[in-house]
């Protein structure tokens, strides 16, 4: 519908490599795809970056703002299943960061 009304498409995808690959496939076939939000290398991912469990990281390389069509079959992402199993058996005790203003009130990110 966005394309029918000449509206740009900008998928939001901070979720993981499979979701990113799915969004990229939508982008690859959408003439109105303007940008793809993703979280590769973002500061809050330290120790758990989006591509940590991906074998074919190079396929997601961004060159001058572009990611080329993924060459593998299906969604084009190869998951490091052994690393994923290890992480599942040893989950981190992760919590959302809590930021506060100078007056002590809660600030959202």
PDB file of N, CA and C in Angstrom:
ATOM      1  N   UNK A   1       0.822  -1.195   0.000  1.00  0.00           N
ATOM      2  CA  UNK A   1       0.000   0.000   0.000  1.00  0.00           C
ATOM      3  C   UNK A   1       0.865   1.258   0.000  1.00  0.00           C
ATOM      4  N   UNK A   2       1.995   1.191   0.684  1.00  0.00           N
ATOM      5  CA  UNK A   2       2.865   2.370   0.723  1.00  0.00           C
ATOM      6  C   UNK A   2       3.303   2.751  -0.689  1.00  0.00           C
ATOM      7  N   UNK A   3       3.696   1.756  -1.483  1.00  0.00           N
ATOM      8  CA  UNK A   3       4.139   2.060  -2.847  1.00  0.00           C
ATOM      9  C   UNK A   3       3.002   2.637  -3.688  1.00  0.00           C
ATOM     10  N   UNK A   4       1.786   2.120  -3.500  1.00  0.00           N
ATOM     11  CA  UNK A   4       0.638   2.605  -4.266  1.00  0.00           C
ATOM     12  C   UNK A   4       0.376   4.085  -4.017  1.00  0.00           C
ATOM     13  N   UNK A   5       0.733   4.566  -2.836  1.00  0.00           N
ATOM     14  CA  UNK A   5       0.520   5.968  -2.482  1.00  0.00           C
ATOM     15  C   UNK A   5       1.817   6.776  -2.496  1.00  0.00           C
ATOM     16  N   UNK A   6       2.861   6.214  -3.114  1.00  0.00           N
ATOM     17  CA  UNK A   6       4.152   6.883  -3.251  1.00  0.00           C
ATOM     18  C   UNK A   6       4.751   7.281  -1.900  1.00  0.00           C
ATOM     19  N   UNK A   7       4.635   6.360  -0.947  1.00  0.00           N
ATOM     20  CA  UNK A   7       5.178   6.567   0.397  1.00  0.00           C
ATOM     21  C   UNK A   7       6.412   5.683   0.552  1.00  0.00           C
ATOM     22  N   UNK A   8       7.475   6.226   1.099  1.00  0.00           N
ATOM     23  CA  UNK A   8       8.723   5.486   1.286  1.00  0.00           C
ATOM     24  C   UNK A   8       8.562   4.424   2.369  1.00  0.00           C
ATOM     25  N   UNK A   9       9.319   3.354   2.214  1.00  0.00           N
ATOM     26  CA  UNK A   9       9.304   2.234   3.151  1.00  0.00           C
ATOM     27  C   UNK A   9      10.602   2.245   3.956  1.00  0.00           C
ATOM     28  N   UNK A  10      10.494   2.140   5.277  1.00  0.00           N
ATOM     29  CA  UNK A  10      11.668   2.115   6.146  1.00  0.00           C
ATOM     30  C   UNK A  10      11.419   1.122   7.276  1.00  0.00           C
ATOM     31  N   UNK A  11      11.629  -0.188   7.018  1.00  0.00           N
ATOM     32  CA  UNK A  11      11.362  -1.195   8.048  1.00  0.00           C
ATOM     33  C   UNK A  11      12.207  -1.008   9.309  1.00  0.00           C
ATOM     34  N   UNK A  12      11.603  -1.254  10.437  1.00  0.00           N
ATOM     35  CA  UNK A  12      12.252  -1.185  11.749  1.00  0.00           C
ATOM     36  C   UNK A  12      12.629  -2.611  12.130  1.00  0.00           C
ATOM     37  N   UNK A  13      13.912  -2.884  12.364  1.00  0.00           N
ATOM     38  CA  UNK A  13      14.315  -4.256  12.661  1.00  0.00           C
ATOM     39  C   UNK A  13      15.512  -4.314  13.594  1.00  0.00           C
ATOM     40  N   UNK A  14      15.315  -4.209  14.909  1.00  0.00           N
ATOM     41  CA  UNK A  14      16.409  -4.366  15.849  1.00  0.00           C
ATOM     42  C   UNK A  14      16.452  -5.770  16.459  1.00  0.00           C
ATOM     43  N   UNK A  15      15.728  -6.732  15.884  1.00  0.00           N
ATOM     44  CA  UNK A  15      15.428  -7.979  16.565  1.00  0.00           C
ATOM     45  C   UNK A  15      16.481  -9.066  16.473  1.00  0.00           C
ATOM     46  N   UNK A  16      17.071  -9.271  15.349  1.00  0.00           N
ATOM     47  CA  UNK A  16      18.050 -10.330  15.179  1.00  0.00           C
ATOM     48  C   UNK A  16      18.340 -10.570  13.718  1.00  0.00           C
ATOM     49  N   UNK A  17      19.278 -11.473  13.415  1.00  0.00           N
ATOM     50  CA  UNK A  17      19.709 -11.658  12.041  1.00  0.00           C
ATOM     51  C   UNK A  17      18.647 -12.256  11.115  1.00  0.00           C
ATOM     52  N   UNK A  18      17.810 -13.129  11.615  1.00  0.00           N
ATOM     53  CA  UNK A  18      16.771 -13.728  10.771  1.00  0.00           C
ATOM     54  C   UNK A  18      15.725 -12.675  10.419  1.00  0.00           C
ATOM     55  N   UNK A  19      15.314 -11.888  11.409  1.00  0.00           N
ATOM     56  CA  UNK A  19      14.354 -10.812  11.152  1.00  0.00           C
ATOM     57  C   UNK A  19      14.959  -9.770  10.215  1.00  0.00           C
ATOM     58  N   UNK A  20      16.234  -9.447  10.393  1.00  0.00           N
ATOM     59  CA  UNK A  20      16.884  -8.490   9.503  1.00  0.00           C
ATOM     60  C   UNK A  20      16.918  -9.030   8.077  1.00  0.00           C
ATOM     61  N   UNK A  21      17.276 -10.304   7.917  1.00  0.00           N
ATOM     62  CA  UNK A  21      17.308 -10.899   6.580  1.00  0.00           C
ATOM     63  C   UNK A  21      15.926 -10.837   5.934  1.00  0.00           C
ATOM     64  N   UNK A  22      14.872 -11.111   6.699  1.00  0.00           N
ATOM     65  CA  UNK A  22      13.509 -11.043   6.160  1.00  0.00           C
ATOM     66  C   UNK A  22      13.177  -9.613   5.724  1.00  0.00           C
ATOM     67  N   UNK A  23      13.536  -8.634   6.552  1.00  0.00           N
ATOM     68  CA  UNK A  23      13.292  -7.227   6.185  1.00  0.00           C
ATOM     69  C   UNK A  23      14.095  -6.837   4.953  1.00  0.00           C
ATOM     70  N   UNK A  24      15.327  -7.299   4.866  1.00  0.00           N
ATOM     71  CA  UNK A  24      16.147  -6.980   3.693  1.00  0.00           C
ATOM     72  C   UNK A  24      15.506  -7.530   2.420  1.00  0.00           C
ATOM     73  N   UNK A  25      14.923  -8.718   2.497  1.00  0.00           N
ATOM     74  CA  UNK A  25      14.269  -9.284   1.325  1.00  0.00           C
ATOM     75  C   UNK A  25      13.083  -8.427   0.889  1.00  0.00           C
ATOM     76  N   UNK A  26      12.357  -7.887   1.845  1.00  0.00           N
ATOM     77  CA  UNK A  26      11.273  -6.958   1.506  1.00  0.00           C
ATOM     78  C   UNK A  26      11.872  -5.723   0.837  1.00  0.00           C
ATOM     79  N   UNK A  27      12.959  -5.209   1.397  1.00  0.00           N
ATOM     80  CA  UNK A  27      13.633  -4.042   0.812  1.00  0.00           C
ATOM     81  C   UNK A  27      14.101  -4.311  -0.613  1.00  0.00           C
ATOM     82  N   UNK A  28      14.683  -5.501  -0.831  1.00  0.00           N
ATOM     83  CA  UNK A  28      15.250  -5.831  -2.140  1.00  0.00           C
ATOM     84  C   UNK A  28      14.203  -5.807  -3.249  1.00  0.00           C
ATOM     85  N   UNK A  29      12.946  -6.065  -2.920  1.00  0.00           N
ATOM     86  CA  UNK A  29      11.899  -6.122  -3.952  1.00  0.00           C
ATOM     87  C   UNK A  29      10.950  -4.928  -3.910  1.00  0.00           C
ATOM     88  N   UNK A  30      11.209  -3.984  -3.034  1.00  0.00           N
ATOM     89  CA  UNK A  30      10.326  -2.822  -2.903  1.00  0.00           C
ATOM     90  C   UNK A  30      10.996  -1.591  -3.508  1.00  0.00           C
ATOM     91  N   UNK A  31      10.392  -1.077  -4.559  1.00  0.00           N
ATOM     92  CA  UNK A  31      10.959   0.098  -5.226  1.00  0.00           C
ATOM     93  C   UNK A  31      10.971   1.323  -4.310  1.00  0.00           C
ATOM     94  N   UNK A  32      10.107   1.328  -3.339  1.00  0.00           N
ATOM     95  CA  UNK A  32       9.998   2.484  -2.452  1.00  0.00           C
ATOM     96  C   UNK A  32      10.773   2.303  -1.148  1.00  0.00           C
ATOM     97  N   UNK A  33      11.613   1.266  -1.048  1.00  0.00           N
ATOM     98  CA  UNK A  33      12.430   1.070   0.155  1.00  0.00           C
ATOM     99  C   UNK A  33      13.467   2.191   0.219  1.00  0.00           C
ATOM    100  N   UNK A  34      13.399   2.967   1.287  1.00  0.00           N
ATOM    101  CA  UNK A  34      14.283   4.117   1.431  1.00  0.00           C
ATOM    102  C   UNK A  34      15.484   3.796   2.315  1.00  0.00           C
ATOM    103  N   UNK A  35      15.221   3.127   3.428  1.00  0.00           N
ATOM    104  CA  UNK A  35      16.299   2.741   4.332  1.00  0.00           C
ATOM    105  C   UNK A  35      15.854   1.553   5.160  1.00  0.00           C
ATOM    106  N   UNK A  36      16.854   0.888   5.746  1.00  0.00           N
ATOM    107  CA  UNK A  36      16.593  -0.269   6.595  1.00  0.00           C
ATOM    108  C   UNK A  36      17.218  -0.015   7.960  1.00  0.00           C
ATOM    109  N   UNK A  37      16.382   0.126   8.964  1.00  0.00           N
ATOM    110  CA  UNK A  37      16.915   0.273  10.317  1.00  0.00           C
ATOM    111  C   UNK A  37      17.424  -1.088  10.773  1.00  0.00           C
ATOM    112  N   UNK A  38      18.582  -1.093  11.398  1.00  0.00           N
ATOM    113  CA  UNK A  38      19.156  -2.324  11.948  1.00  0.00           C
ATOM    114  C   UNK A  38      20.094  -1.927  13.083  1.00  0.00           C
ATOM    115  N   UNK A  39      20.546  -2.912  13.841  1.00  0.00           N
ATOM    116  CA  UNK A  39      21.345  -2.564  15.022  1.00  0.00           C
ATOM    117  C   UNK A  39      22.727  -3.206  15.028  1.00  0.00           C
ATOM    118  N   UNK A  40      23.325  -3.418  13.868  1.00  0.00           N
ATOM    119  CA  UNK A  40      24.679  -3.983  13.810  1.00  0.00           C
ATOM    120  C   UNK A  40      25.671  -2.950  14.363  1.00  0.00           C
ATOM    121  N   UNK A  41      26.425  -3.352  15.382  1.00  0.00           N
ATOM    122  CA  UNK A  41      27.472  -2.496  15.927  1.00  0.00           C
ATOM    123  C   UNK A  41      27.009  -1.328  16.780  1.00  0.00           C
ATOM    124  N   UNK A  42      25.773  -1.343  17.221  1.00  0.00           N
ATOM    125  CA  UNK A  42      25.261  -0.239  18.044  1.00  0.00           C
ATOM    126  C   UNK A  42      25.768  -0.400  19.485  1.00  0.00           C
ATOM    127  N   UNK A  43      26.010   0.702  20.141  1.00  0.00           N
ATOM    128  CA  UNK A  43      26.645   0.726  21.459  1.00  0.00           C
ATOM    129  C   UNK A  43      25.999  -0.191  22.494  1.00  0.00           C
ATOM    130  N   UNK A  44      24.698  -0.341  22.503  1.00  0.00           N
ATOM    131  CA  UNK A  44      24.077  -1.147  23.560  1.00  0.00           C
ATOM    132  C   UNK A  44      24.138  -2.646  23.267  1.00  0.00           C
ATOM    133  N   UNK A  45      24.727  -3.035  22.145  1.00  0.00           N
ATOM    134  CA  UNK A  45      24.850  -4.452  21.809  1.00  0.00           C
ATOM    135  C   UNK A  45      26.172  -5.060  22.269  1.00  0.00           C
ATOM    136  N   UNK A  46      26.962  -4.354  23.031  1.00  0.00           N
ATOM    137  CA  UNK A  46      28.264  -4.872  23.436  1.00  0.00           C
ATOM    138  C   UNK A  46      28.119  -6.247  24.059  1.00  0.00           C
ATOM    139  N   UNK A  47      28.852  -7.224  23.489  1.00  0.00           N
ATOM    140  CA  UNK A  47      28.785  -8.587  23.982  1.00  0.00           C
ATOM    141  C   UNK A  47      27.616  -9.373  23.421  1.00  0.00           C
ATOM    142  N   UNK A  48      26.791  -8.765  22.617  1.00  0.00           N
ATOM    143  CA  UNK A  48      25.649  -9.459  22.014  1.00  0.00           C
ATOM    144  C   UNK A  48      25.228  -8.727  20.741  1.00  0.00           C
ATOM    145  N   UNK A  49      26.141  -8.626  19.790  1.00  0.00           N
ATOM    146  CA  UNK A  49      25.826  -7.896  18.569  1.00  0.00           C
ATOM    147  C   UNK A  49      24.907  -8.708  17.665  1.00  0.00           C
ATOM    148  N   UNK A  50      24.227  -8.052  16.775  1.00  0.00           N
ATOM    149  CA  UNK A  50      23.236  -8.667  15.896  1.00  0.00           C
ATOM    150  C   UNK A  50      23.795  -9.845  15.120  1.00  0.00           C
ATOM    151  N   UNK A  51      25.043  -9.780  14.698  1.00  0.00           N
ATOM    152  CA  UNK A  51      25.618 -10.839  13.865  1.00  0.00           C
ATOM    153  C   UNK A  51      26.476 -11.835  14.639  1.00  0.00           C
ATOM    154  N   UNK A  52      26.444 -11.809  15.952  1.00  0.00           N
ATOM    155  CA  UNK A  52      27.262 -12.727  16.750  1.00  0.00           C
ATOM    156  C   UNK A  52      26.990 -14.197  16.444  1.00  0.00           C
ATOM    157  N   UNK A  53      25.775 -14.546  16.086  1.00  0.00           N
ATOM    158  CA  UNK A  53      25.405 -15.942  15.857  1.00  0.00           C
ATOM    159  C   UNK A  53      25.279 -16.269  14.368  1.00  0.00           C
ATOM    160  N   UNK A  54      25.860 -15.436  13.525  1.00  0.00           N
ATOM    161  CA  UNK A  54      25.780 -15.616  12.078  1.00  0.00           C
ATOM    162  C   UNK A  54      27.133 -16.097  11.552  1.00  0.00           C
ATOM    163  N   UNK A  55      27.110 -17.127  10.718  1.00  0.00           N
ATOM    164  CA  UNK A  55      28.337 -17.646  10.113  1.00  0.00           C
ATOM    165  C   UNK A  55      28.763 -16.757   8.949  1.00  0.00           C
ATOM    166  N   UNK A  56      27.823 -16.342   8.115  1.00  0.00           N
ATOM    167  CA  UNK A  56      28.122 -15.568   6.913  1.00  0.00           C
ATOM    168  C   UNK A  56      27.994 -14.058   7.147  1.00  0.00           C
ATOM    169  N   UNK A  57      28.740 -13.554   8.122  1.00  0.00           N
ATOM    170  CA  UNK A  57      28.703 -12.129   8.478  1.00  0.00           C
ATOM    171  C   UNK A  57      29.028 -11.219   7.294  1.00  0.00           C
ATOM    172  N   UNK A  58      29.967 -11.632   6.457  1.00  0.00           N
ATOM    173  CA  UNK A  58      30.401 -10.797   5.332  1.00  0.00           C
ATOM    174  C   UNK A  58      29.254 -10.498   4.375  1.00  0.00           C
ATOM    175  N   UNK A  59      28.270 -11.378   4.281  1.00  0.00           N
ATOM    176  CA  UNK A  59      27.130 -11.143   3.385  1.00  0.00           C
ATOM    177  C   UNK A  59      26.287  -9.954   3.845  1.00  0.00           C
ATOM    178  N   UNK A  60      26.415  -9.561   5.108  1.00  0.00           N
ATOM    179  CA  UNK A  60      25.650  -8.438   5.662  1.00  0.00           C
ATOM    180  C   UNK A  60      26.472  -7.139   5.675  1.00  0.00           C
ATOM    181  N   UNK A  61      27.628  -7.162   5.036  1.00  0.00           N
ATOM    182  CA  UNK A  61      28.502  -5.978   5.035  1.00  0.00           C
ATOM    183  C   UNK A  61      27.812  -4.802   4.348  1.00  0.00           C
ATOM    184  N   UNK A  62      27.962  -3.649   4.956  1.00  0.00           N
ATOM    185  CA  UNK A  62      27.388  -2.424   4.419  1.00  0.00           C
ATOM    186  C   UNK A  62      28.478  -1.675   3.651  1.00  0.00           C
ATOM    187  N   UNK A  63      28.244  -1.439   2.375  1.00  0.00           N
ATOM    188  CA  UNK A  63      29.206  -0.747   1.523  1.00  0.00           C
ATOM    189  C   UNK A  63      28.579   0.543   1.017  1.00  0.00           C
ATOM    190  N   UNK A  64      29.063   1.674   1.523  1.00  0.00           N
ATOM    191  CA  UNK A  64      28.541   2.994   1.151  1.00  0.00           C
ATOM    192  C   UNK A  64      27.027   3.088   1.390  1.00  0.00           C
ATOM    193  N   UNK A  65      26.581   2.462   2.475  1.00  0.00           N
ATOM    194  CA  UNK A  65      25.173   2.542   2.841  1.00  0.00           C
ATOM    195  C   UNK A  65      24.300   1.461   2.244  1.00  0.00           C
ATOM    196  N   UNK A  66      24.882   0.558   1.474  1.00  0.00           N
ATOM    197  CA  UNK A  66      24.100  -0.493   0.835  1.00  0.00           C
ATOM    198  C   UNK A  66      24.499  -1.870   1.338  1.00  0.00           C
ATOM    199  N   UNK A  67      23.521  -2.759   1.434  1.00  0.00           N
ATOM    200  CA  UNK A  67      23.765  -4.179   1.676  1.00  0.00           C
ATOM    201  C   UNK A  67      23.273  -4.892   0.432  1.00  0.00           C
ATOM    202  N   UNK A  68      24.143  -5.689  -0.155  1.00  0.00           N
ATOM    203  CA  UNK A  68      23.782  -6.405  -1.382  1.00  0.00           C
ATOM    204  C   UNK A  68      22.804  -7.549  -1.066  1.00  0.00           C
ATOM    205  N   UNK A  69      22.103  -8.013  -2.093  1.00  0.00           N
ATOM    206  CA  UNK A  69      21.195  -9.150  -1.929  1.00  0.00           C
ATOM    207  C   UNK A  69      21.975 -10.322  -1.341  1.00  0.00           C
ATOM    208  N   UNK A  70      21.386 -10.994  -0.387  1.00  0.00           N
ATOM    209  CA  UNK A  70      22.059 -12.091   0.296  1.00  0.00           C
ATOM    210  C   UNK A  70      22.146 -13.295  -0.642  1.00  0.00           C
ATOM    211  N   UNK A  71      23.353 -13.870  -0.840  1.00  0.00           N
ATOM    212  CA  UNK A  71      23.557 -14.900  -1.862  1.00  0.00           C
ATOM    213  C   UNK A  71      23.106 -16.319  -1.479  1.00  0.00           C
ATOM    214  N   UNK A  72      22.940 -16.599  -0.202  1.00  0.00           N
ATOM    215  CA  UNK A  72      22.551 -17.958   0.194  1.00  0.00           C
ATOM    216  C   UNK A  72      21.065 -18.198  -0.057  1.00  0.00           C
ATOM    217  N   UNK A  73      20.649 -19.457  -0.159  1.00  0.00           N
ATOM    218  CA  UNK A  73      19.226 -19.751  -0.386  1.00  0.00           C
ATOM    219  C   UNK A  73      18.361 -19.363   0.817  1.00  0.00           C
ATOM    220  N   UNK A  74      17.067 -19.332   0.595  1.00  0.00           N
ATOM    221  CA  UNK A  74      16.135 -18.968   1.657  1.00  0.00           C
ATOM    222  C   UNK A  74      16.310 -17.511   2.026  1.00  0.00           C
ATOM    223  N   UNK A  75      16.309 -17.226   3.319  1.00  0.00           N
ATOM    224  CA  UNK A  75      16.510 -15.844   3.759  1.00  0.00           C
ATOM    225  C   UNK A  75      17.956 -15.398   3.615  1.00  0.00           C
ATOM    226  N   UNK A  76      18.876 -16.348   3.436  1.00  0.00           N
ATOM    227  CA  UNK A  76      20.265 -15.981   3.182  1.00  0.00           C
ATOM    228  C   UNK A  76      21.113 -15.799   4.420  1.00  0.00           C
ATOM    229  N   UNK A  77      20.647 -16.316   5.548  1.00  0.00           N
ATOM    230  CA  UNK A  77      21.424 -16.194   6.784  1.00  0.00           C
ATOM    231  C   UNK A  77      21.743 -17.597   7.299  1.00  0.00           C
ATOM    232  N   UNK A  78      23.032 -17.826   7.587  1.00  0.00           N
ATOM    233  CA  UNK A  78      23.464 -19.108   8.129  1.00  0.00           C
ATOM    234  C   UNK A  78      23.786 -18.917   9.612  1.00  0.00           C
ATOM    235  N   UNK A  79      23.009 -19.561  10.462  1.00  0.00           N
ATOM    236  CA  UNK A  79      23.139 -19.418  11.912  1.00  0.00           C
ATOM    237  C   UNK A  79      24.194 -20.381  12.448  1.00  0.00           C
ATOM    238  N   UNK A  80      25.035 -19.905  13.347  1.00  0.00           N
ATOM    239  CA  UNK A  80      26.009 -20.736  14.058  1.00  0.00           C
ATOM    240  C   UNK A  80      25.243 -21.459  15.160  1.00  0.00           C
ATOM    241  N   UNK A  81      24.729 -22.635  14.824  1.00  0.00           N
ATOM    242  CA  UNK A  81      23.835 -23.351  15.736  1.00  0.00           C
ATOM    243  C   UNK A  81      24.522 -23.778  17.032  1.00  0.00           C
ATOM    244  N   UNK A  82      25.793 -24.145  16.958  1.00  0.00           N
ATOM    245  CA  UNK A  82      26.497 -24.550  18.177  1.00  0.00           C
ATOM    246  C   UNK A  82      26.620 -23.377  19.148  1.00  0.00           C
ATOM    247  N   UNK A  83      26.953 -22.216  18.625  1.00  0.00           N
ATOM    248  CA  UNK A  83      27.053 -21.026  19.482  1.00  0.00           C
ATOM    249  C   UNK A  83      25.688 -20.657  20.054  1.00  0.00           C
ATOM    250  N   UNK A  84      24.661 -20.808  19.258  1.00  0.00           N
ATOM    251  CA  UNK A  84      23.303 -20.521  19.713  1.00  0.00           C
ATOM    252  C   UNK A  84      22.889 -21.477  20.834  1.00  0.00           C
ATOM    253  N   UNK A  85      23.207 -22.755  20.679  1.00  0.00           N
ATOM    254  CA  UNK A  85      22.896 -23.730  21.747  1.00  0.00           C
ATOM    255  C   UNK A  85      23.629 -23.372  23.043  1.00  0.00           C
ATOM    256  N   UNK A  86      24.894 -22.982  22.920  1.00  0.00           N
ATOM    257  CA  UNK A  86      25.679 -22.606  24.094  1.00  0.00           C
ATOM    258  C   UNK A  86      25.051 -21.390  24.782  1.00  0.00           C
ATOM    259  N   UNK A  87      24.656 -20.404  24.008  1.00  0.00           N
ATOM    260  CA  UNK A  87      24.035 -19.200  24.575  1.00  0.00           C
ATOM    261  C   UNK A  87      22.702 -19.535  25.238  1.00  0.00           C
ATOM    262  N   UNK A  88      21.951 -20.439  24.630  1.00  0.00           N
ATOM    263  CA  UNK A  88      20.658 -20.839  25.200  1.00  0.00           C
ATOM    264  C   UNK A  88      20.853 -21.529  26.554  1.00  0.00           C
ATOM    265  N   UNK A  89      21.916 -22.318  26.667  1.00  0.00           N
ATOM    266  CA  UNK A  89      22.195 -23.024  27.923  1.00  0.00           C
ATOM    267  C   UNK A  89      22.759 -22.095  28.995  1.00  0.00           C
ATOM    268  N   UNK A  90      23.303 -20.948  28.587  1.00  0.00           N
ATOM    269  CA  UNK A  90      23.934 -19.998  29.508  1.00  0.00           C
ATOM    270  C   UNK A  90      23.416 -18.580  29.253  1.00  0.00           C
ATOM    271  N   UNK A  91      22.131 -18.340  29.488  1.00  0.00           N
ATOM    272  CA  UNK A  91      21.578 -17.017  29.156  1.00  0.00           C
ATOM    273  C   UNK A  91      22.138 -15.918  30.052  1.00  0.00           C
ATOM    274  N   UNK A  92      22.346 -14.734  29.480  1.00  0.00           N
ATOM    275  CA  UNK A  92      22.816 -13.615  30.301  1.00  0.00           C
ATOM    276  C   UNK A  92      21.677 -13.082  31.170  1.00  0.00           C
ATOM    277  N   UNK A  93      22.029 -12.449  32.247  1.00  0.00           N
ATOM    278  CA  UNK A  93      21.028 -11.813  33.113  1.00  0.00           C
ATOM    279  C   UNK A  93      20.890 -10.372  32.649  1.00  0.00           C
ATOM    280  N   UNK A  94      20.277 -10.198  31.464  1.00  0.00           N
ATOM    281  CA  UNK A  94      20.200  -8.887  30.838  1.00  0.00           C
ATOM    282  C   UNK A  94      18.971  -8.142  31.300  1.00  0.00           C
ATOM    283  N   UNK A  95      19.130  -6.867  31.544  1.00  0.00           N
ATOM    284  CA  UNK A  95      18.013  -5.980  31.907  1.00  0.00           C
ATOM    285  C   UNK A  95      18.094  -4.733  31.040  1.00  0.00           C
ATOM    286  N   UNK A  96      16.951  -4.152  30.749  1.00  0.00           N
ATOM    287  CA  UNK A  96      16.949  -2.873  30.051  1.00  0.00           C
ATOM    288  C   UNK A  96      17.720  -1.850  30.870  1.00  0.00           C
ATOM    289  N   UNK A  97      18.514  -1.024  30.206  1.00  0.00           N
ATOM    290  CA  UNK A  97      19.197   0.035  30.952  1.00  0.00           C
ATOM    291  C   UNK A  97      18.170   0.988  31.568  1.00  0.00           C
ATOM    292  N   UNK A  98      18.483   1.500  32.726  1.00  0.00           N
ATOM    293  CA  UNK A  98      17.622   2.494  33.365  1.00  0.00           C
ATOM    294  C   UNK A  98      18.410   3.798  33.416  1.00  0.00           C
ATOM    295  N   UNK A  99      17.885   4.773  32.740  1.00  0.00           N
ATOM    296  CA  UNK A  99      18.528   6.077  32.734  1.00  0.00           C
ATOM    297  C   UNK A  99      17.674   7.050  33.531  1.00  0.00           C
ATOM    298  N   UNK A 100      18.339   7.938  34.227  1.00  0.00           N
ATOM    299  CA  UNK A 100      17.621   8.916  35.039  1.00  0.00           C
ATOM    300  C   UNK A 100      18.091  10.324  34.686  1.00  0.00           C
ATOM    301  N   UNK A 101      17.162  11.243  34.793  1.00  0.00           N
ATOM    302  CA  UNK A 101      17.505  12.656  34.627  1.00  0.00           C
ATOM    303  C   UNK A 101      18.195  13.142  35.888  1.00  0.00           C
ATOM    304  N   UNK A 102      18.760  14.333  35.836  1.00  0.00           N
ATOM    305  CA  UNK A 102      19.471  14.904  36.975  1.00  0.00           C
ATOM    306  C   UNK A 102      18.591  14.969  38.222  1.00  0.00           C
ATOM    307  N   UNK A 103      17.266  15.122  38.040  1.00  0.00           N
ATOM    308  CA  UNK A 103      16.356  15.202  39.187  1.00  0.00           C
ATOM    309  C   UNK A 103      15.940  13.833  39.725  1.00  0.00           C
ATOM    310  N   UNK A 104      16.470  12.734  39.089  1.00  0.00           N
ATOM    311  CA  UNK A 104      16.145  11.374  39.552  1.00  0.00           C
ATOM    312  C   UNK A 104      14.975  10.738  38.824  1.00  0.00           C
ATOM    313  N   UNK A 105      14.251  11.497  38.010  1.00  0.00           N
ATOM    314  CA  UNK A 105      13.128  10.925  37.282  1.00  0.00           C
ATOM    315  C   UNK A 105      13.642   9.994  36.173  1.00  0.00           C
ATOM    316  N   UNK A 106      12.824   9.000  35.819  1.00  0.00           N
ATOM    317  CA  UNK A 106      13.225   8.009  34.838  1.00  0.00           C
ATOM    318  C   UNK A 106      13.215   8.612  33.429  1.00  0.00           C
ATOM    319  N   UNK A 107      14.272   8.331  32.688  1.00  0.00           N
ATOM    320  CA  UNK A 107      14.367   8.752  31.289  1.00  0.00           C
ATOM    321  C   UNK A 107      14.298   7.500  30.424  1.00  0.00           C
ATOM    322  N   UNK A 108      13.549   7.516  29.383  1.00  0.00           N
ATOM    323  CA  UNK A 108      13.442   6.380  28.469  1.00  0.00           C
ATOM    324  C   UNK A 108      14.444   6.517  27.346  1.00  0.00           C
ATOM    325  N   UNK A 109      14.862   5.419  26.799  1.00  0.00           N
ATOM    326  CA  UNK A 109      15.741   5.450  25.648  1.00  0.00           C
ATOM    327  C   UNK A 109      14.924   5.256  24.437  1.00  0.00           C
TER     328      UNK A 109
END
